[in-house]
């Protein structure tokens, strides 16, 4: 299940994500920013992709191509994997996070 937002507006980003590859889920975080639709589950993959799901519906909301500082914020209480930070930095240098 995918949200209408993602289906309608994120084709270019999805193309880049598919080119990078999803990889394997290496971490998952519940994020509650008090959105009207409820909390989200943010899953980080081994290729530096963040896949966001609505916790209540299970629908995928979006996929992000992570920046290093995003990755660091998820790992507040621990240290983010170095390879993941380096990969996110490469993606950011290519401008992937702006798509």
PDB file of N, CA and C in Angstrom:
ATOM      1  N   UNK A   1       0.833  -1.181   0.000  1.00  0.00           N
ATOM      2  CA  UNK A   1       0.000   0.000   0.000  1.00  0.00           C
ATOM      3  C   UNK A   1       0.878   1.244   0.000  1.00  0.00           C
ATOM      4  N   UNK A   2       0.503   2.171  -0.846  1.00  0.00           N
ATOM      5  CA  UNK A   2       1.259   3.413  -0.991  1.00  0.00           C
ATOM      6  C   UNK A   2       0.286   4.572  -0.913  1.00  0.00           C
ATOM      7  N   UNK A   3       0.692   5.661  -0.278  1.00  0.00           N
ATOM      8  CA  UNK A   3      -0.171   6.835  -0.189  1.00  0.00           C
ATOM      9  C   UNK A   3      -0.326   7.484  -1.559  1.00  0.00           C
ATOM     10  N   UNK A   4      -1.437   8.188  -1.743  1.00  0.00           N
ATOM     11  CA  UNK A   4      -1.668   8.926  -2.984  1.00  0.00           C
ATOM     12  C   UNK A   4      -0.585   9.969  -3.204  1.00  0.00           C
ATOM     13  N   UNK A   5      -0.131  10.610  -2.134  1.00  0.00           N
ATOM     14  CA  UNK A   5       0.918  11.635  -2.233  1.00  0.00           C
ATOM     15  C   UNK A   5       2.135  11.085  -2.948  1.00  0.00           C
ATOM     16  N   UNK A   6       2.582   9.913  -2.517  1.00  0.00           N
ATOM     17  CA  UNK A   6       3.798   9.357  -3.111  1.00  0.00           C
ATOM     18  C   UNK A   6       3.563   8.976  -4.565  1.00  0.00           C
ATOM     19  N   UNK A   7       2.461   8.332  -4.833  1.00  0.00           N
ATOM     20  CA  UNK A   7       2.147   7.895  -6.196  1.00  0.00           C
ATOM     21  C   UNK A   7       2.050   9.073  -7.148  1.00  0.00           C
ATOM     22  N   UNK A   8       1.442  10.149  -6.698  1.00  0.00           N
ATOM     23  CA  UNK A   8       1.174  11.287  -7.567  1.00  0.00           C
ATOM     24  C   UNK A   8       2.361  12.223  -7.773  1.00  0.00           C
ATOM     25  N   UNK A   9       3.258  12.334  -6.797  1.00  0.00           N
ATOM     26  CA  UNK A   9       4.232  13.422  -6.853  1.00  0.00           C
ATOM     27  C   UNK A   9       5.698  13.011  -6.800  1.00  0.00           C
ATOM     28  N   UNK A  10       6.005  11.751  -6.686  1.00  0.00           N
ATOM     29  CA  UNK A  10       7.398  11.384  -6.419  1.00  0.00           C
ATOM     30  C   UNK A  10       8.024  10.451  -7.439  1.00  0.00           C
ATOM     31  N   UNK A  11       7.601  10.505  -8.681  1.00  0.00           N
ATOM     32  CA  UNK A  11       8.127   9.589  -9.698  1.00  0.00           C
ATOM     33  C   UNK A  11       9.635   9.756  -9.893  1.00  0.00           C
ATOM     34  N   UNK A  12      10.129  10.977 -10.005  1.00  0.00           N
ATOM     35  CA  UNK A  12      11.567  11.190 -10.237  1.00  0.00           C
ATOM     36  C   UNK A  12      12.390  10.637  -9.075  1.00  0.00           C
ATOM     37  N   UNK A  13      11.929  10.877  -7.849  1.00  0.00           N
ATOM     38  CA  UNK A  13      12.653  10.351  -6.693  1.00  0.00           C
ATOM     39  C   UNK A  13      12.620   8.825  -6.705  1.00  0.00           C
ATOM     40  N   UNK A  14      11.478   8.249  -7.027  1.00  0.00           N
ATOM     41  CA  UNK A  14      11.364   6.791  -7.068  1.00  0.00           C
ATOM     42  C   UNK A  14      12.322   6.202  -8.093  1.00  0.00           C
ATOM     43  N   UNK A  15      12.489   6.882  -9.222  1.00  0.00           N
ATOM     44  CA  UNK A  15      13.437   6.407 -10.238  1.00  0.00           C
ATOM     45  C   UNK A  15      14.863   6.368  -9.685  1.00  0.00           C
ATOM     46  N   UNK A  16      15.246   7.390  -8.941  1.00  0.00           N
ATOM     47  CA  UNK A  16      16.596   7.426  -8.355  1.00  0.00           C
ATOM     48  C   UNK A  16      16.735   6.361  -7.275  1.00  0.00           C
ATOM     49  N   UNK A  17      15.707   6.223  -6.439  1.00  0.00           N
ATOM     50  CA  UNK A  17      15.733   5.180  -5.403  1.00  0.00           C
ATOM     51  C   UNK A  17      15.897   3.808  -6.045  1.00  0.00           C
ATOM     52  N   UNK A  18      15.172   3.564  -7.122  1.00  0.00           N
ATOM     53  CA  UNK A  18      15.289   2.275  -7.805  1.00  0.00           C
ATOM     54  C   UNK A  18      16.683   2.075  -8.393  1.00  0.00           C
ATOM     55  N   UNK A  19      17.296   3.153  -8.864  1.00  0.00           N
ATOM     56  CA  UNK A  19      18.657   3.081  -9.398  1.00  0.00           C
ATOM     57  C   UNK A  19      19.661   2.768  -8.282  1.00  0.00           C
ATOM     58  N   UNK A  20      19.491   3.404  -7.132  1.00  0.00           N
ATOM     59  CA  UNK A  20      20.364   3.145  -5.980  1.00  0.00           C
ATOM     60  C   UNK A  20      20.134   1.732  -5.465  1.00  0.00           C
ATOM     61  N   UNK A  21      18.870   1.351  -5.380  1.00  0.00           N
ATOM     62  CA  UNK A  21      18.478   0.063  -4.803  1.00  0.00           C
ATOM     63  C   UNK A  21      18.027   0.241  -3.370  1.00  0.00           C
ATOM     64  N   UNK A  22      17.037  -0.524  -2.973  1.00  0.00           N
ATOM     65  CA  UNK A  22      16.495  -0.403  -1.618  1.00  0.00           C
ATOM     66  C   UNK A  22      17.441  -0.973  -0.578  1.00  0.00           C
ATOM     67  N   UNK A  23      18.091  -2.080  -0.871  1.00  0.00           N
ATOM     68  CA  UNK A  23      18.957  -2.707   0.119  1.00  0.00           C
ATOM     69  C   UNK A  23      18.142  -3.430   1.171  1.00  0.00           C
ATOM     70  N   UNK A  24      18.717  -3.569   2.348  1.00  0.00           N
ATOM     71  CA  UNK A  24      18.066  -4.266   3.461  1.00  0.00           C
ATOM     72  C   UNK A  24      17.755  -3.274   4.574  1.00  0.00           C
ATOM     73  N   UNK A  25      16.655  -3.500   5.278  1.00  0.00           N
ATOM     74  CA  UNK A  25      16.310  -2.669   6.429  1.00  0.00           C
ATOM     75  C   UNK A  25      17.334  -2.948   7.528  1.00  0.00           C
ATOM     76  N   UNK A  26      17.983  -1.886   8.021  1.00  0.00           N
ATOM     77  CA  UNK A  26      18.976  -2.080   9.078  1.00  0.00           C
ATOM     78  C   UNK A  26      18.544  -1.465  10.408  1.00  0.00           C
ATOM     79  N   UNK A  27      17.535  -0.578  10.366  1.00  0.00           N
ATOM     80  CA  UNK A  27      17.039   0.043  11.596  1.00  0.00           C
ATOM     81  C   UNK A  27      15.629   0.562  11.347  1.00  0.00           C
ATOM     82  N   UNK A  28      14.864   0.649  12.417  1.00  0.00           N
ATOM     83  CA  UNK A  28      13.495   1.140  12.331  1.00  0.00           C
ATOM     84  C   UNK A  28      13.215   2.006  13.555  1.00  0.00           C
ATOM     85  N   UNK A  29      12.549   3.133  13.336  1.00  0.00           N
ATOM     86  CA  UNK A  29      12.279   4.076  14.410  1.00  0.00           C
ATOM     87  C   UNK A  29      10.833   4.547  14.324  1.00  0.00           C
ATOM     88  N   UNK A  30      10.161   4.639  15.447  1.00  0.00           N
ATOM     89  CA  UNK A  30       8.818   5.230  15.483  1.00  0.00           C
ATOM     90  C   UNK A  30       8.992   6.712  15.761  1.00  0.00           C
ATOM     91  N   UNK A  31       8.419   7.526  14.884  1.00  0.00           N
ATOM     92  CA  UNK A  31       8.545   8.980  14.979  1.00  0.00           C
ATOM     93  C   UNK A  31       7.141   9.566  15.121  1.00  0.00           C
ATOM     94  N   UNK A  32       6.926  10.323  16.179  1.00  0.00           N
ATOM     95  CA  UNK A  32       5.624  10.958  16.393  1.00  0.00           C
ATOM     96  C   UNK A  32       5.815  12.470  16.409  1.00  0.00           C
ATOM     97  N   UNK A  33       5.460  13.086  15.290  1.00  0.00           N
ATOM     98  CA  UNK A  33       5.543  14.543  15.180  1.00  0.00           C
ATOM     99  C   UNK A  33       4.150  15.165  15.280  1.00  0.00           C
ATOM    100  N   UNK A  34       3.232  14.410  15.849  1.00  0.00           N
ATOM    101  CA  UNK A  34       1.855  14.857  16.078  1.00  0.00           C
ATOM    102  C   UNK A  34       1.143  15.232  14.784  1.00  0.00           C
ATOM    103  N   UNK A  35       1.457  14.499  13.718  1.00  0.00           N
ATOM    104  CA  UNK A  35       0.774  14.687  12.437  1.00  0.00           C
ATOM    105  C   UNK A  35      -0.675  14.231  12.605  1.00  0.00           C
ATOM    106  N   UNK A  36      -1.618  14.902  11.952  1.00  0.00           N
ATOM    107  CA  UNK A  36      -3.024  14.498  12.081  1.00  0.00           C
ATOM    108  C   UNK A  36      -3.291  13.032  11.706  1.00  0.00           C
ATOM    109  N   UNK A  37      -2.469  12.467  10.824  1.00  0.00           N
ATOM    110  CA  UNK A  37      -2.659  11.070  10.423  1.00  0.00           C
ATOM    111  C   UNK A  37      -1.949  10.080  11.341  1.00  0.00           C
ATOM    112  N   UNK A  38      -1.263  10.596  12.345  1.00  0.00           N
ATOM    113  CA  UNK A  38      -0.651   9.716  13.334  1.00  0.00           C
ATOM    114  C   UNK A  38       0.846   9.559  13.191  1.00  0.00           C
ATOM    115  N   UNK A  39       1.429   8.754  14.087  1.00  0.00           N
ATOM    116  CA  UNK A  39       2.874   8.517  14.078  1.00  0.00           C
ATOM    117  C   UNK A  39       3.321   7.784  12.810  1.00  0.00           C
ATOM    118  N   UNK A  40       4.634   7.827  12.598  1.00  0.00           N
ATOM    119  CA  UNK A  40       5.221   7.181  11.426  1.00  0.00           C
ATOM    120  C   UNK A  40       6.281   6.180  11.862  1.00  0.00           C
ATOM    121  N   UNK A  41       6.514   5.216  11.012  1.00  0.00           N
ATOM    122  CA  UNK A  41       7.628   4.286  11.193  1.00  0.00           C
ATOM    123  C   UNK A  41       8.638   4.610  10.106  1.00  0.00           C
ATOM    124  N   UNK A  42       9.847   4.958  10.503  1.00  0.00           N
ATOM    125  CA  UNK A  42      10.921   5.296   9.578  1.00  0.00           C
ATOM    126  C   UNK A  42      11.890   4.121   9.551  1.00  0.00           C
ATOM    127  N   UNK A  43      12.026   3.508   8.382  1.00  0.00           N
ATOM    128  CA  UNK A  43      12.936   2.375   8.221  1.00  0.00           C
ATOM    129  C   UNK A  43      14.121   2.821   7.383  1.00  0.00           C
ATOM    130  N   UNK A  44      15.310   2.581   7.902  1.00  0.00           N
ATOM    131  CA  UNK A  44      16.538   2.967   7.217  1.00  0.00           C
ATOM    132  C   UNK A  44      17.131   1.723   6.570  1.00  0.00           C
ATOM    133  N   UNK A  45      17.534   1.876   5.315  1.00  0.00           N
ATOM    134  CA  UNK A  45      18.086   0.731   4.595  1.00  0.00           C
ATOM    135  C   UNK A  45      19.603   0.842   4.469  1.00  0.00           C
ATOM    136  N   UNK A  46      20.183  -0.265   4.094  1.00  0.00           N
ATOM    137  CA  UNK A  46      21.642  -0.351   3.940  1.00  0.00           C
ATOM    138  C   UNK A  46      22.160   0.490   2.781  1.00  0.00           C
ATOM    139  N   UNK A  47      21.270   1.006   1.942  1.00  0.00           N
ATOM    140  CA  UNK A  47      21.692   1.846   0.818  1.00  0.00           C
ATOM    141  C   UNK A  47      21.396   3.326   1.068  1.00  0.00           C
ATOM    142  N   UNK A  48      21.037   3.673   2.306  1.00  0.00           N
ATOM    143  CA  UNK A  48      20.816   5.074   2.640  1.00  0.00           C
ATOM    144  C   UNK A  48      19.450   5.606   2.254  1.00  0.00           C
ATOM    145  N   UNK A  49      18.478   4.730   2.129  1.00  0.00           N
ATOM    146  CA  UNK A  49      17.114   5.145   1.830  1.00  0.00           C
ATOM    147  C   UNK A  49      16.317   5.090   3.129  1.00  0.00           C
ATOM    148  N   UNK A  50      15.464   6.082   3.345  1.00  0.00           N
ATOM    149  CA  UNK A  50      14.552   6.077   4.477  1.00  0.00           C
ATOM    150  C   UNK A  50      13.156   5.854   3.905  1.00  0.00           C
ATOM    151  N   UNK A  51      12.509   4.788   4.341  1.00  0.00           N
ATOM    152  CA  UNK A  51      11.154   4.492   3.899  1.00  0.00           C
ATOM    153  C   UNK A  51      10.231   4.799   5.066  1.00  0.00           C
ATOM    154  N   UNK A  52       9.241   5.649   4.811  1.00  0.00           N
ATOM    155  CA  UNK A  52       8.361   6.117   5.872  1.00  0.00           C
ATOM    156  C   UNK A  52       6.962   5.544   5.672  1.00  0.00           C
ATOM    157  N   UNK A  53       6.430   4.949   6.744  1.00  0.00           N
ATOM    158  CA  UNK A  53       5.097   4.354   6.741  1.00  0.00           C
ATOM    159  C   UNK A  53       4.241   5.022   7.806  1.00  0.00           C
ATOM    160  N   UNK A  54       2.948   5.112   7.562  1.00  0.00           N
ATOM    161  CA  UNK A  54       2.020   5.540   8.597  1.00  0.00           C
ATOM    162  C   UNK A  54       1.863   4.373   9.564  1.00  0.00           C
ATOM    163  N   UNK A  55       2.023   4.630  10.842  1.00  0.00           N
ATOM    164  CA  UNK A  55       1.978   3.553  11.824  1.00  0.00           C
ATOM    165  C   UNK A  55       0.575   2.942  11.923  1.00  0.00           C
ATOM    166  N   UNK A  56      -0.462   3.734  11.736  1.00  0.00           N
ATOM    167  CA  UNK A  56      -1.822   3.225  11.891  1.00  0.00           C
ATOM    168  C   UNK A  56      -2.303   2.440  10.674  1.00  0.00           C
ATOM    169  N   UNK A  57      -2.028   2.945   9.484  1.00  0.00           N
ATOM    170  CA  UNK A  57      -2.568   2.313   8.275  1.00  0.00           C
ATOM    171  C   UNK A  57      -1.599   1.334   7.632  1.00  0.00           C
ATOM    172  N   UNK A  58      -0.316   1.475   7.921  1.00  0.00           N
ATOM    173  CA  UNK A  58       0.689   0.646   7.277  1.00  0.00           C
ATOM    174  C   UNK A  58       1.056   1.111   5.879  1.00  0.00           C
ATOM    175  N   UNK A  59       0.400   2.173   5.397  1.00  0.00           N
ATOM    176  CA  UNK A  59       0.700   2.678   4.055  1.00  0.00           C
ATOM    177  C   UNK A  59       2.057   3.348   4.027  1.00  0.00           C
ATOM    178  N   UNK A  60       2.778   3.111   2.927  1.00  0.00           N
ATOM    179  CA  UNK A  60       4.024   3.828   2.739  1.00  0.00           C
ATOM    180  C   UNK A  60       3.683   5.269   2.374  1.00  0.00           C
ATOM    181  N   UNK A  61       4.296   6.202   3.063  1.00  0.00           N
ATOM    182  CA  UNK A  61       4.048   7.617   2.831  1.00  0.00           C
ATOM    183  C   UNK A  61       5.031   8.164   1.804  1.00  0.00           C
ATOM    184  N   UNK A  62       6.313   7.863   1.995  1.00  0.00           N
ATOM    185  CA  UNK A  62       7.335   8.376   1.088  1.00  0.00           C
ATOM    186  C   UNK A  62       8.637   7.614   1.281  1.00  0.00           C
ATOM    187  N   UNK A  63       9.551   7.844   0.370  1.00  0.00           N
ATOM    188  CA  UNK A  63      10.926   7.357   0.492  1.00  0.00           C
ATOM    189  C   UNK A  63      11.813   8.580   0.375  1.00  0.00           C
ATOM    190  N   UNK A  64      12.812   8.639   1.223  1.00  0.00           N
ATOM    191  CA  UNK A  64      13.770   9.738   1.199  1.00  0.00           C
ATOM    192  C   UNK A  64      15.159   9.184   0.929  1.00  0.00           C
ATOM    193  N   UNK A  65      15.964   9.975   0.279  1.00  0.00           N
ATOM    194  CA  UNK A  65      17.371   9.638   0.097  1.00  0.00           C
ATOM    195  C   UNK A  65      18.103  10.430   1.171  1.00  0.00           C
ATOM    196  N   UNK A  66      18.581   9.714   2.160  1.00  0.00           N
ATOM    197  CA  UNK A  66      19.049  10.322   3.404  1.00  0.00           C
ATOM    198  C   UNK A  66      20.287  11.185   3.241  1.00  0.00           C
ATOM    199  N   UNK A  67      20.327  12.239   4.039  1.00  0.00           N
ATOM    200  CA  UNK A  67      21.516  13.062   4.228  1.00  0.00           C
ATOM    201  C   UNK A  67      22.218  12.577   5.499  1.00  0.00           C
ATOM    202  N   UNK A  68      23.509  12.815   5.625  1.00  0.00           N
ATOM    203  CA  UNK A  68      24.227  12.343   6.816  1.00  0.00           C
ATOM    204  C   UNK A  68      23.606  12.831   8.131  1.00  0.00           C
ATOM    205  N   UNK A  69      23.227  14.103   8.192  1.00  0.00           N
ATOM    206  CA  UNK A  69      22.671  14.613   9.441  1.00  0.00           C
ATOM    207  C   UNK A  69      21.329  13.982   9.788  1.00  0.00           C
ATOM    208  N   UNK A  70      20.550  13.598   8.780  1.00  0.00           N
ATOM    209  CA  UNK A  70      19.311  12.870   9.058  1.00  0.00           C
ATOM    210  C   UNK A  70      19.632  11.546   9.740  1.00  0.00           C
ATOM    211  N   UNK A  71      20.587  10.835   9.175  1.00  0.00           N
ATOM    212  CA  UNK A  71      20.975   9.545   9.743  1.00  0.00           C
ATOM    213  C   UNK A  71      21.443   9.732  11.190  1.00  0.00           C
ATOM    214  N   UNK A  72      22.264  10.736  11.431  1.00  0.00           N
ATOM    215  CA  UNK A  72      22.775  10.988  12.791  1.00  0.00           C
ATOM    216  C   UNK A  72      21.635  11.235  13.768  1.00  0.00           C
ATOM    217  N   UNK A  73      20.603  11.969  13.359  1.00  0.00           N
ATOM    218  CA  UNK A  73      19.486  12.268  14.258  1.00  0.00           C
ATOM    219  C   UNK A  73      18.751  10.999  14.691  1.00  0.00           C
ATOM    220  N   UNK A  74      18.635  10.035  13.813  1.00  0.00           N
ATOM    221  CA  UNK A  74      17.967   8.790  14.184  1.00  0.00           C
ATOM    222  C   UNK A  74      18.743   8.040  15.261  1.00  0.00           C
ATOM    223  N   UNK A  75      20.042   8.147  15.203  1.00  0.00           N
ATOM    224  CA  UNK A  75      20.903   7.399  16.110  1.00  0.00           C
ATOM    225  C   UNK A  75      21.353   8.245  17.290  1.00  0.00           C
ATOM    226  N   UNK A  76      20.480   9.074  17.830  1.00  0.00           N
ATOM    227  CA  UNK A  76      20.827   9.967  18.939  1.00  0.00           C
ATOM    228  C   UNK A  76      21.547   9.248  20.080  1.00  0.00           C
ATOM    229  N   UNK A  77      21.020   8.096  20.465  1.00  0.00           N
ATOM    230  CA  UNK A  77      21.563   7.393  21.623  1.00  0.00           C
ATOM    231  C   UNK A  77      22.715   6.459  21.275  1.00  0.00           C
ATOM    232  N   UNK A  78      22.980   6.310  20.018  1.00  0.00           N
ATOM    233  CA  UNK A  78      24.074   5.435  19.595  1.00  0.00           C
ATOM    234  C   UNK A  78      24.768   6.059  18.407  1.00  0.00           C
ATOM    235  N   UNK A  79      25.752   5.407  17.938  1.00  0.00           N
ATOM    236  CA  UNK A  79      26.511   5.939  16.817  1.00  0.00           C
ATOM    237  C   UNK A  79      26.009   5.331  15.517  1.00  0.00           C
ATOM    238  N   UNK A  80      25.758   6.175  14.554  1.00  0.00           N
ATOM    239  CA  UNK A  80      25.313   5.719  13.238  1.00  0.00           C
ATOM    240  C   UNK A  80      26.450   4.966  12.548  1.00  0.00           C
ATOM    241  N   UNK A  81      26.111   3.951  11.757  1.00  0.00           N
ATOM    242  CA  UNK A  81      27.155   3.226  11.028  1.00  0.00           C
ATOM    243  C   UNK A  81      27.932   4.164  10.092  1.00  0.00           C
ATOM    244  N   UNK A  82      29.235   4.112  10.171  1.00  0.00           N
ATOM    245  CA  UNK A  82      30.087   5.002   9.380  1.00  0.00           C
ATOM    246  C   UNK A  82      29.859   4.847   7.886  1.00  0.00           C
ATOM    247  N   UNK A  83      29.737   3.598   7.421  1.00  0.00           N
ATOM    248  CA  UNK A  83      29.529   3.386   5.983  1.00  0.00           C
ATOM    249  C   UNK A  83      28.243   4.051   5.510  1.00  0.00           C
ATOM    250  N   UNK A  84      27.237   4.072   6.375  1.00  0.00           N
ATOM    251  CA  UNK A  84      25.959   4.672   6.016  1.00  0.00           C
ATOM    252  C   UNK A  84      26.081   6.193   5.932  1.00  0.00           C
ATOM    253  N   UNK A  85      26.828   6.777   6.849  1.00  0.00           N
ATOM    254  CA  UNK A  85      27.065   8.232   6.803  1.00  0.00           C
ATOM    255  C   UNK A  85      27.830   8.615   5.538  1.00  0.00           C
ATOM    256  N   UNK A  86      28.813   7.811   5.176  1.00  0.00           N
ATOM    257  CA  UNK A  86      29.597   8.085   3.966  1.00  0.00           C
ATOM    258  C   UNK A  86      28.737   7.936   2.708  1.00  0.00           C
ATOM    259  N   UNK A  87      27.892   6.941   2.683  1.00  0.00           N
ATOM    260  CA  UNK A  87      27.003   6.733   1.544  1.00  0.00           C
ATOM    261  C   UNK A  87      26.011   7.885   1.426  1.00  0.00           C
ATOM    262  N   UNK A  88      25.465   8.313   2.550  1.00  0.00           N
ATOM    263  CA  UNK A  88      24.536   9.451   2.550  1.00  0.00           C
ATOM    264  C   UNK A  88      25.247  10.721   2.077  1.00  0.00           C
ATOM    265  N   UNK A  89      26.501  10.891   2.444  1.00  0.00           N
ATOM    266  CA  UNK A  89      27.271  12.056   1.991  1.00  0.00           C
ATOM    267  C   UNK A  89      27.471  12.011   0.480  1.00  0.00           C
ATOM    268  N   UNK A  90      27.728  10.822  -0.064  1.00  0.00           N
ATOM    269  CA  UNK A  90      27.860  10.681  -1.523  1.00  0.00           C
ATOM    270  C   UNK A  90      26.551  11.054  -2.221  1.00  0.00           C
ATOM    271  N   UNK A  91      25.453  10.553  -1.704  1.00  0.00           N
ATOM    272  CA  UNK A  91      24.143  10.863  -2.292  1.00  0.00           C
ATOM    273  C   UNK A  91      23.842  12.359  -2.215  1.00  0.00           C
ATOM    274  N   UNK A  92      24.205  12.976  -1.087  1.00  0.00           N
ATOM    275  CA  UNK A  92      23.968  14.407  -0.928  1.00  0.00           C
ATOM    276  C   UNK A  92      24.827  15.198  -1.916  1.00  0.00           C
ATOM    277  N   UNK A  93      26.078  14.791  -2.110  1.00  0.00           N
ATOM    278  CA  UNK A  93      26.961  15.481  -3.059  1.00  0.00           C
ATOM    279  C   UNK A  93      26.415  15.408  -4.469  1.00  0.00           C
ATOM    280  N   UNK A  94      25.690  14.352  -4.787  1.00  0.00           N
ATOM    281  CA  UNK A  94      25.068  14.205  -6.108  1.00  0.00           C
ATOM    282  C   UNK A  94      23.724  14.937  -6.200  1.00  0.00           C
ATOM    283  N   UNK A  95      23.275  15.507  -5.072  1.00  0.00           N
ATOM    284  CA  UNK A  95      22.020  16.266  -5.062  1.00  0.00           C
ATOM    285  C   UNK A  95      20.771  15.412  -4.990  1.00  0.00           C
ATOM    286  N   UNK A  96      20.918  14.125  -4.686  1.00  0.00           N
ATOM    287  CA  UNK A  96      19.765  13.231  -4.654  1.00  0.00           C
ATOM    288  C   UNK A  96      18.725  13.640  -3.617  1.00  0.00           C
ATOM    289  N   UNK A  97      19.177  14.213  -2.506  1.00  0.00           N
ATOM    290  CA  UNK A  97      18.245  14.572  -1.438  1.00  0.00           C
ATOM    291  C   UNK A  97      17.341  15.760  -1.809  1.00  0.00           C
ATOM    292  N   UNK A  98      17.626  16.423  -2.895  1.00  0.00           N
ATOM    293  CA  UNK A  98      16.818  17.585  -3.311  1.00  0.00           C
ATOM    294  C   UNK A  98      15.712  17.199  -4.283  1.00  0.00           C
ATOM    295  N   UNK A  99      15.627  15.933  -4.612  1.00  0.00           N
ATOM    296  CA  UNK A  99      14.629  15.490  -5.592  1.00  0.00           C
ATOM    297  C   UNK A  99      13.408  14.956  -4.881  1.00  0.00           C
TER     298      UNK A  99
END
